[in-house]
Amino acid sequence: MANWCEWFEGQDALWSEYHDKEWGRPVHDDRKLFEYLLMECMSCGLSWGLMMRKQEIFRTVFAEYDFRRVAAFSEEDIDKAAATEGMIHSRRKVAGIVNNARRILEVIREFGSFDNYVWSFTRGKAVRYPENADGVVLTRSPLSDTVAKDMKRRGFKYVGTVIIYSYLQGIGVINDHHKDCPLSKNLDSTEQSVQGME
């Protein structure tokens, strides 16, 4: 796909496919929202390219991204997951993912779905930062600050504002496709200006 988003230039085909088929498209499925959050949390200190290459091992280790099953992991399950061949061997991160799955269940009890919670911060609409549409690379915003703060208050782990900004980009809450990217134009009808939101 011809586009003007440049962050994946020079990377392998996996990055291009991720941009063209996944990145920035609005996600409303709770399991998929958990998958993206899981990958963002696992990426702390590591590259997103590694996360994409580890996606299938994550799928195996974390019960097909079924957060209800992950929430039920025992200490033994956490040890086993962290020791799995091909896995990122960080018991602390695996425990953080299990914790986050449990926090998602609490959010669902309050909001009806994790989707309702995540999108409540923008009243169900994607937002655009004009400077990013022009090619300026942002790594955080008042929106990601707010979401990260609330998630931390609820007990989520590995949810700093930079990680959450990236998460909101990935799931389409923030539309950071360049204004000349065809995907940006396709998403315009679902977005609102960030002015007045923060």
C-alpha atoms as a PDB file:
ATOM      1  CA  MET A   1       0.000   0.000   0.000  1.00  0.00           C
ATOM      2  CA  ALA A   2       1.366   3.401  -0.940  1.00  0.00           C
ATOM      3  CA  ASN A   3       1.384   5.609   2.132  1.00  0.00           C
ATOM      4  CA  TRP A   4       3.182   8.460   3.824  1.00  0.00           C
ATOM      5  CA  CYS A   5       3.663   6.958   7.256  1.00  0.00           C
ATOM      6  CA  GLU A   6       7.411   6.595   7.617  1.00  0.00           C
ATOM      7  CA  TRP A   7       7.969   4.948  10.999  1.00  0.00           C
ATOM      8  CA  PHE A   8       8.337   1.474   9.497  1.00  0.00           C
ATOM      9  CA  GLU A   9      10.596   2.430   6.581  1.00  0.00           C
ATOM     10  CA  GLY A  10      13.685   0.270   6.419  1.00  0.00           C
ATOM     11  CA  GLN A  11      12.005  -2.505   8.408  1.00  0.00           C
ATOM     12  CA  ASP A  12      11.028  -5.914   7.105  1.00  0.00           C
ATOM     13  CA  ALA A  13       7.722  -6.860   5.481  1.00  0.00           C
ATOM     14  CA  LEU A  14       6.199  -7.664   8.863  1.00  0.00           C
ATOM     15  CA  TRP A  15       6.168  -3.965   9.711  1.00  0.00           C
ATOM     16  CA  SER A  16       4.516  -3.005   6.427  1.00  0.00           C
ATOM     17  CA  GLU A  17       1.834  -5.652   6.894  1.00  0.00           C
ATOM     18  CA  TYR A  18       1.238  -4.462  10.453  1.00  0.00           C
ATOM     19  CA  HIS A  19       0.786  -0.875   9.239  1.00  0.00           C
ATOM     20  CA  ASP A  20      -1.481  -1.816   6.360  1.00  0.00           C
ATOM     21  CA  LYS A  21      -3.701  -4.346   8.154  1.00  0.00           C
ATOM     22  CA  GLU A  22      -3.666  -3.527  11.868  1.00  0.00           C
ATOM     23  CA  TRP A  23      -2.061  -0.346  13.187  1.00  0.00           C
ATOM     24  CA  GLY A  24      -4.478   2.439  13.964  1.00  0.00           C
ATOM     25  CA  ARG A  25      -7.646   0.596  13.002  1.00  0.00           C
ATOM     26  CA  PRO A  26     -10.301   1.000  15.714  1.00  0.00           C
ATOM     27  CA  VAL A  27     -10.438  -2.130  17.893  1.00  0.00           C
ATOM     28  CA  HIS A  28     -13.549  -2.931  19.939  1.00  0.00           C
ATOM     29  CA  ASP A  29     -13.077  -6.620  20.757  1.00  0.00           C
ATOM     30  CA  ASP A  30     -12.040  -7.132  24.386  1.00  0.00           C
ATOM     31  CA  ARG A  31      -9.758 -10.056  23.620  1.00  0.00           C
ATOM     32  CA  LYS A  32      -7.971  -8.100  20.897  1.00  0.00           C
ATOM     33  CA  LEU A  33      -7.677  -5.097  23.203  1.00  0.00           C
ATOM     34  CA  PHE A  34      -6.034  -7.384  25.769  1.00  0.00           C
ATOM     35  CA  GLU A  35      -3.672  -8.763  23.115  1.00  0.00           C
ATOM     36  CA  TYR A  36      -2.476  -5.280  22.179  1.00  0.00           C
ATOM     37  CA  LEU A  37      -2.106  -4.259  25.820  1.00  0.00           C
ATOM     38  CA  LEU A  38      -0.187  -7.460  26.550  1.00  0.00           C
ATOM     39  CA  MET A  39       2.239  -6.779  23.704  1.00  0.00           C
ATOM     40  CA  GLU A  40       2.746  -3.166  24.759  1.00  0.00           C
ATOM     41  CA  CYS A  41       3.453  -4.201  28.342  1.00  0.00           C
ATOM     42  CA  MET A  42       5.857  -6.928  27.223  1.00  0.00           C
ATOM     43  CA  SER A  43       7.631  -4.411  24.976  1.00  0.00           C
ATOM     44  CA  CYS A  44       8.947  -2.294  27.888  1.00  0.00           C
ATOM     45  CA  GLY A  45      12.666  -1.958  27.214  1.00  0.00           C
ATOM     46  CA  LEU A  46      12.410  -4.023  24.015  1.00  0.00           C
ATOM     47  CA  SER A  47      11.539  -3.386  20.363  1.00  0.00           C
ATOM     48  CA  TRP A  48       8.097  -3.616  18.792  1.00  0.00           C
ATOM     49  CA  GLY A  49       9.620  -5.718  16.016  1.00  0.00           C
ATOM     50  CA  LEU A  50      10.491  -8.344  18.612  1.00  0.00           C
ATOM     51  CA  MET A  51       6.920  -8.213  19.926  1.00  0.00           C
ATOM     52  CA  MET A  52       5.550  -8.922  16.465  1.00  0.00           C
ATOM     53  CA  ARG A  53       7.926 -11.842  16.035  1.00  0.00           C
ATOM     54  CA  LYS A  54       6.892 -13.200  19.443  1.00  0.00           C
ATOM     55  CA  GLN A  55       3.161 -12.810  18.808  1.00  0.00           C
ATOM     56  CA  GLU A  56       2.488 -16.522  18.298  1.00  0.00           C
ATOM     57  CA  ILE A  57       4.468 -17.602  21.361  1.00  0.00           C
ATOM     58  CA  PHE A  58       2.497 -15.023  23.342  1.00  0.00           C
ATOM     59  CA  ARG A  59      -0.679 -16.537  21.934  1.00  0.00           C
ATOM     60  CA  THR A  60       0.375 -19.980  23.145  1.00  0.00           C
ATOM     61  CA  VAL A  61       1.649 -18.880  26.553  1.00  0.00           C
ATOM     62  CA  PHE A  62      -1.287 -16.577  27.294  1.00  0.00           C
ATOM     63  CA  ALA A  63      -4.181 -18.907  26.458  1.00  0.00           C
ATOM     64  CA  GLU A  64      -5.016 -17.549  22.995  1.00  0.00           C
ATOM     65  CA  TYR A  65      -5.226 -14.084  24.573  1.00  0.00           C
ATOM     66  CA  ASP A  66      -8.238 -15.176  26.636  1.00  0.00           C
ATOM     67  CA  PHE A  67      -7.901 -12.740  29.540  1.00  0.00           C
ATOM     68  CA  ARG A  68     -10.374 -14.684  31.663  1.00  0.00           C
ATOM     69  CA  ARG A  69      -8.178 -17.768  31.514  1.00  0.00           C
ATOM     70  CA  VAL A  70      -5.029 -15.695  32.059  1.00  0.00           C
ATOM     71  CA  ALA A  71      -6.616 -14.065  35.118  1.00  0.00           C
ATOM     72  CA  ALA A  72      -6.897 -17.551  36.635  1.00  0.00           C
ATOM     73  CA  PHE A  73      -3.171 -18.323  36.249  1.00  0.00           C
ATOM     74  CA  SER A  74      -1.540 -19.678  39.393  1.00  0.00           C
ATOM     75  CA  GLU A  75       2.001 -18.914  40.547  1.00  0.00           C
ATOM     76  CA  GLU A  76       3.006 -22.224  38.966  1.00  0.00           C
ATOM     77  CA  ASP A  77       1.388 -21.176  35.678  1.00  0.00           C
ATOM     78  CA  ILE A  78       3.348 -17.909  35.771  1.00  0.00           C
ATOM     79  CA  ASP A  79       6.610 -19.791  36.342  1.00  0.00           C
ATOM     80  CA  LYS A  80       5.817 -22.170  33.481  1.00  0.00           C
ATOM     81  CA  ALA A  81       4.890 -19.328  31.118  1.00  0.00           C
ATOM     82  CA  ALA A  82       8.080 -17.385  31.876  1.00  0.00           C
ATOM     83  CA  ALA A  83      10.206 -20.494  31.280  1.00  0.00           C
ATOM     84  CA  THR A  84       8.574 -21.465  27.952  1.00  0.00           C
ATOM     85  CA  GLU A  85      11.060 -21.867  25.111  1.00  0.00           C
ATOM     86  CA  GLY A  86      11.005 -18.834  22.823  1.00  0.00           C
ATOM     87  CA  MET A  87       9.264 -16.707  25.425  1.00  0.00           C
ATOM     88  CA  ILE A  88      10.663 -13.479  26.835  1.00  0.00           C
ATOM     89  CA  HIS A  89      11.972 -14.856  30.124  1.00  0.00           C
ATOM     90  CA  SER A  90      10.719 -12.196  32.513  1.00  0.00           C
ATOM     91  CA  ARG A  91       8.622 -13.619  35.303  1.00  0.00           C
ATOM     92  CA  ARG A  92       7.911 -10.071  36.455  1.00  0.00           C
ATOM     93  CA  LYS A  93       6.362  -9.153  33.118  1.00  0.00           C
ATOM     94  CA  VAL A  94       4.368 -12.384  32.929  1.00  0.00           C
ATOM     95  CA  ALA A  95       3.034 -11.708  36.436  1.00  0.00           C
ATOM     96  CA  GLY A  96       2.197  -8.178  35.296  1.00  0.00           C
ATOM     97  CA  ILE A  97       0.163  -9.537  32.389  1.00  0.00           C
ATOM     98  CA  VAL A  98      -1.742 -11.867  34.725  1.00  0.00           C
ATOM     99  CA  ASN A  99      -2.384  -8.932  37.045  1.00  0.00           C
ATOM    100  CA  ASN A 100      -3.654  -6.858  34.117  1.00  0.00           C
ATOM    101  CA  ALA A 101      -6.034  -9.623  33.051  1.00  0.00           C
ATOM    102  CA  ARG A 102      -7.506  -9.555  36.570  1.00  0.00           C
ATOM    103  CA  ARG A 103      -7.823  -5.777  36.448  1.00  0.00           C
ATOM    104  CA  ILE A 104      -9.636  -6.067  33.108  1.00  0.00           C
ATOM    105  CA  LEU A 105     -12.236  -8.310  34.761  1.00  0.00           C
ATOM    106  CA  GLU A 106     -12.777  -5.616  37.389  1.00  0.00           C
ATOM    107  CA  VAL A 107     -13.147  -2.973  34.673  1.00  0.00           C
ATOM    108  CA  ILE A 108     -15.690  -5.144  32.861  1.00  0.00           C
ATOM    109  CA  ARG A 109     -17.764  -5.450  36.022  1.00  0.00           C
ATOM    110  CA  GLU A 110     -17.873  -1.650  36.205  1.00  0.00           C
ATOM    111  CA  PHE A 111     -18.140  -0.672  32.529  1.00  0.00           C
ATOM    112  CA  GLY A 112     -19.707  -3.747  30.913  1.00  0.00           C
ATOM    113  CA  SER A 113     -16.677  -4.314  28.678  1.00  0.00           C
ATOM    114  CA  PHE A 114     -13.033  -3.333  28.472  1.00  0.00           C
ATOM    115  CA  ASP A 115     -13.915  -1.710  25.157  1.00  0.00           C
ATOM    116  CA  ASN A 116     -16.392   0.623  26.873  1.00  0.00           C
ATOM    117  CA  TYR A 117     -13.704   1.649  29.360  1.00  0.00           C
ATOM    118  CA  VAL A 118     -10.896   2.245  26.860  1.00  0.00           C
ATOM    119  CA  TRP A 119     -13.040   4.279  24.489  1.00  0.00           C
ATOM    120  CA  SER A 120     -14.803   6.233  27.248  1.00  0.00           C
ATOM    121  CA  PHE A 121     -11.859   8.634  27.467  1.00  0.00           C
ATOM    122  CA  THR A 122     -12.669   9.983  23.982  1.00  0.00           C
ATOM    123  CA  ARG A 123     -16.419   9.384  24.043  1.00  0.00           C
ATOM    124  CA  GLY A 124     -16.102   6.604  21.496  1.00  0.00           C
ATOM    125  CA  LYS A 125     -14.289   8.601  18.827  1.00  0.00           C
ATOM    126  CA  ALA A 126     -10.734   8.423  17.538  1.00  0.00           C
ATOM    127  CA  VAL A 127      -8.738  11.608  18.023  1.00  0.00           C
ATOM    128  CA  ARG A 128      -6.083  13.218  15.885  1.00  0.00           C
ATOM    129  CA  TYR A 129      -3.195  15.430  16.895  1.00  0.00           C
ATOM    130  CA  PRO A 130      -2.733  17.878  13.993  1.00  0.00           C
ATOM    131  CA  GLU A 131       1.044  18.058  14.426  1.00  0.00           C
ATOM    132  CA  ASN A 132       1.335  14.264  14.206  1.00  0.00           C
ATOM    133  CA  ALA A 133      -0.725  14.205  11.020  1.00  0.00           C
ATOM    134  CA  ASP A 134       1.957  16.481   9.593  1.00  0.00           C
ATOM    135  CA  GLY A 135       4.713  14.023  10.479  1.00  0.00           C
ATOM    136  CA  VAL A 136       5.757  15.167  13.964  1.00  0.00           C
ATOM    137  CA  VAL A 137       6.391  12.091  16.108  1.00  0.00           C
ATOM    138  CA  LEU A 138       4.688  12.271  19.496  1.00  0.00           C
ATOM    139  CA  THR A 139       5.336   9.748  22.247  1.00  0.00           C
ATOM    140  CA  ARG A 140       2.815  10.927  24.845  1.00  0.00           C
ATOM    141  CA  SER A 141      -0.067  13.355  25.225  1.00  0.00           C
ATOM    142  CA  PRO A 142      -2.477  14.688  27.851  1.00  0.00           C
ATOM    143  CA  LEU A 143      -4.823  11.874  26.779  1.00  0.00           C
ATOM    144  CA  SER A 144      -2.236   9.140  27.360  1.00  0.00           C
ATOM    145  CA  ASP A 145      -1.316  10.833  30.651  1.00  0.00           C
ATOM    146  CA  THR A 146      -4.957  10.631  31.751  1.00  0.00           C
ATOM    147  CA  VAL A 147      -5.498   7.029  30.661  1.00  0.00           C
ATOM    148  CA  ALA A 148      -2.194   5.866  32.182  1.00  0.00           C
ATOM    149  CA  LYS A 149      -2.970   7.590  35.463  1.00  0.00           C
ATOM    150  CA  ASP A 150      -6.394   5.986  35.661  1.00  0.00           C
ATOM    151  CA  MET A 151      -5.078   2.535  34.773  1.00  0.00           C
ATOM    152  CA  LYS A 152      -2.362   2.823  37.401  1.00  0.00           C
ATOM    153  CA  ARG A 153      -4.998   3.852  39.945  1.00  0.00           C
ATOM    154  CA  ARG A 154      -6.890   0.680  39.053  1.00  0.00           C
ATOM    155  CA  GLY A 155      -3.780  -1.428  39.638  1.00  0.00           C
ATOM    156  CA  PHE A 156      -2.607  -2.110  36.065  1.00  0.00           C
ATOM    157  CA  LYS A 157       1.117  -2.722  35.599  1.00  0.00           C
ATOM    158  CA  TYR A 158       3.505  -1.502  32.859  1.00  0.00           C
ATOM    159  CA  VAL A 159       1.121   1.279  31.828  1.00  0.00           C
ATOM    160  CA  GLY A 160       3.243   4.432  31.749  1.00  0.00           C
ATOM    161  CA  THR A 161       2.113   7.261  29.517  1.00  0.00           C
ATOM    162  CA  VAL A 162       4.521   6.384  26.652  1.00  0.00           C
ATOM    163  CA  ILE A 163       3.343   2.755  26.588  1.00  0.00           C
ATOM    164  CA  ILE A 164      -0.288   3.871  26.737  1.00  0.00           C
ATOM    165  CA  TYR A 165       0.201   6.415  23.944  1.00  0.00           C
ATOM    166  CA  SER A 166       1.556   3.610  21.767  1.00  0.00           C
ATOM    167  CA  TYR A 167      -1.350   1.383  22.859  1.00  0.00           C
ATOM    168  CA  LEU A 168      -3.938   4.037  21.948  1.00  0.00           C
ATOM    169  CA  GLN A 169      -2.263   4.442  18.549  1.00  0.00           C
ATOM    170  CA  GLY A 170      -2.329   0.710  17.898  1.00  0.00           C
ATOM    171  CA  ILE A 171      -6.007   0.267  18.753  1.00  0.00           C
ATOM    172  CA  GLY A 172      -7.116   3.339  16.828  1.00  0.00           C
ATOM    173  CA  VAL A 173      -8.114   5.620  19.704  1.00  0.00           C
ATOM    174  CA  ILE A 174      -5.423   7.980  18.414  1.00  0.00           C
ATOM    175  CA  ASN A 175      -5.227   8.216  14.627  1.00  0.00           C
ATOM    176  CA  ASP A 176      -1.560   8.924  13.972  1.00  0.00           C
ATOM    177  CA  HIS A 177      -1.475   7.952  10.317  1.00  0.00           C
ATOM    178  CA  HIS A 178       0.071  10.743   8.262  1.00  0.00           C
ATOM    179  CA  LYS A 179      -2.638  12.933   6.730  1.00  0.00           C
ATOM    180  CA  ASP A 180      -1.622  11.747   3.228  1.00  0.00           C
ATOM    181  CA  CYS A 181      -1.732   8.050   4.155  1.00  0.00           C
ATOM    182  CA  PRO A 182      -4.747   6.331   2.524  1.00  0.00           C
ATOM    183  CA  LEU A 183      -5.595   4.690   5.835  1.00  0.00           C
ATOM    184  CA  SER A 184      -5.821   8.099   7.481  1.00  0.00           C
ATOM    185  CA  LYS A 185      -8.424   9.196   4.996  1.00  0.00           C
ATOM    186  CA  ASN A 186     -10.399   5.975   5.487  1.00  0.00           C
ATOM    187  CA  LEU A 187     -10.499   6.600   9.237  1.00  0.00           C
ATOM    188  CA  ASP A 188     -11.389  10.303   9.095  1.00  0.00           C
ATOM    189  CA  SER A 189     -15.119   9.696   9.389  1.00  0.00           C
ATOM    190  CA  THR A 190     -14.666   8.019  12.771  1.00  0.00           C
ATOM    191  CA  GLU A 191     -12.508  10.691  14.366  1.00  0.00           C
ATOM    192  CA  GLN A 192     -12.824  14.028  16.067  1.00  0.00           C
ATOM    193  CA  SER A 193     -10.377  16.848  16.571  1.00  0.00           C
ATOM    194  CA  VAL A 194      -8.347  16.604  19.739  1.00  0.00           C
ATOM    195  CA  GLN A 195      -9.063  20.263  20.532  1.00  0.00           C
ATOM    196  CA  GLY A 196     -11.563  20.436  23.341  1.00  0.00           C
ATOM    197  CA  MET A 197     -10.804  16.903  24.463  1.00  0.00           C
ATOM    198  CA  GLU A 198      -8.049  17.772  26.926  1.00  0.00           C
END
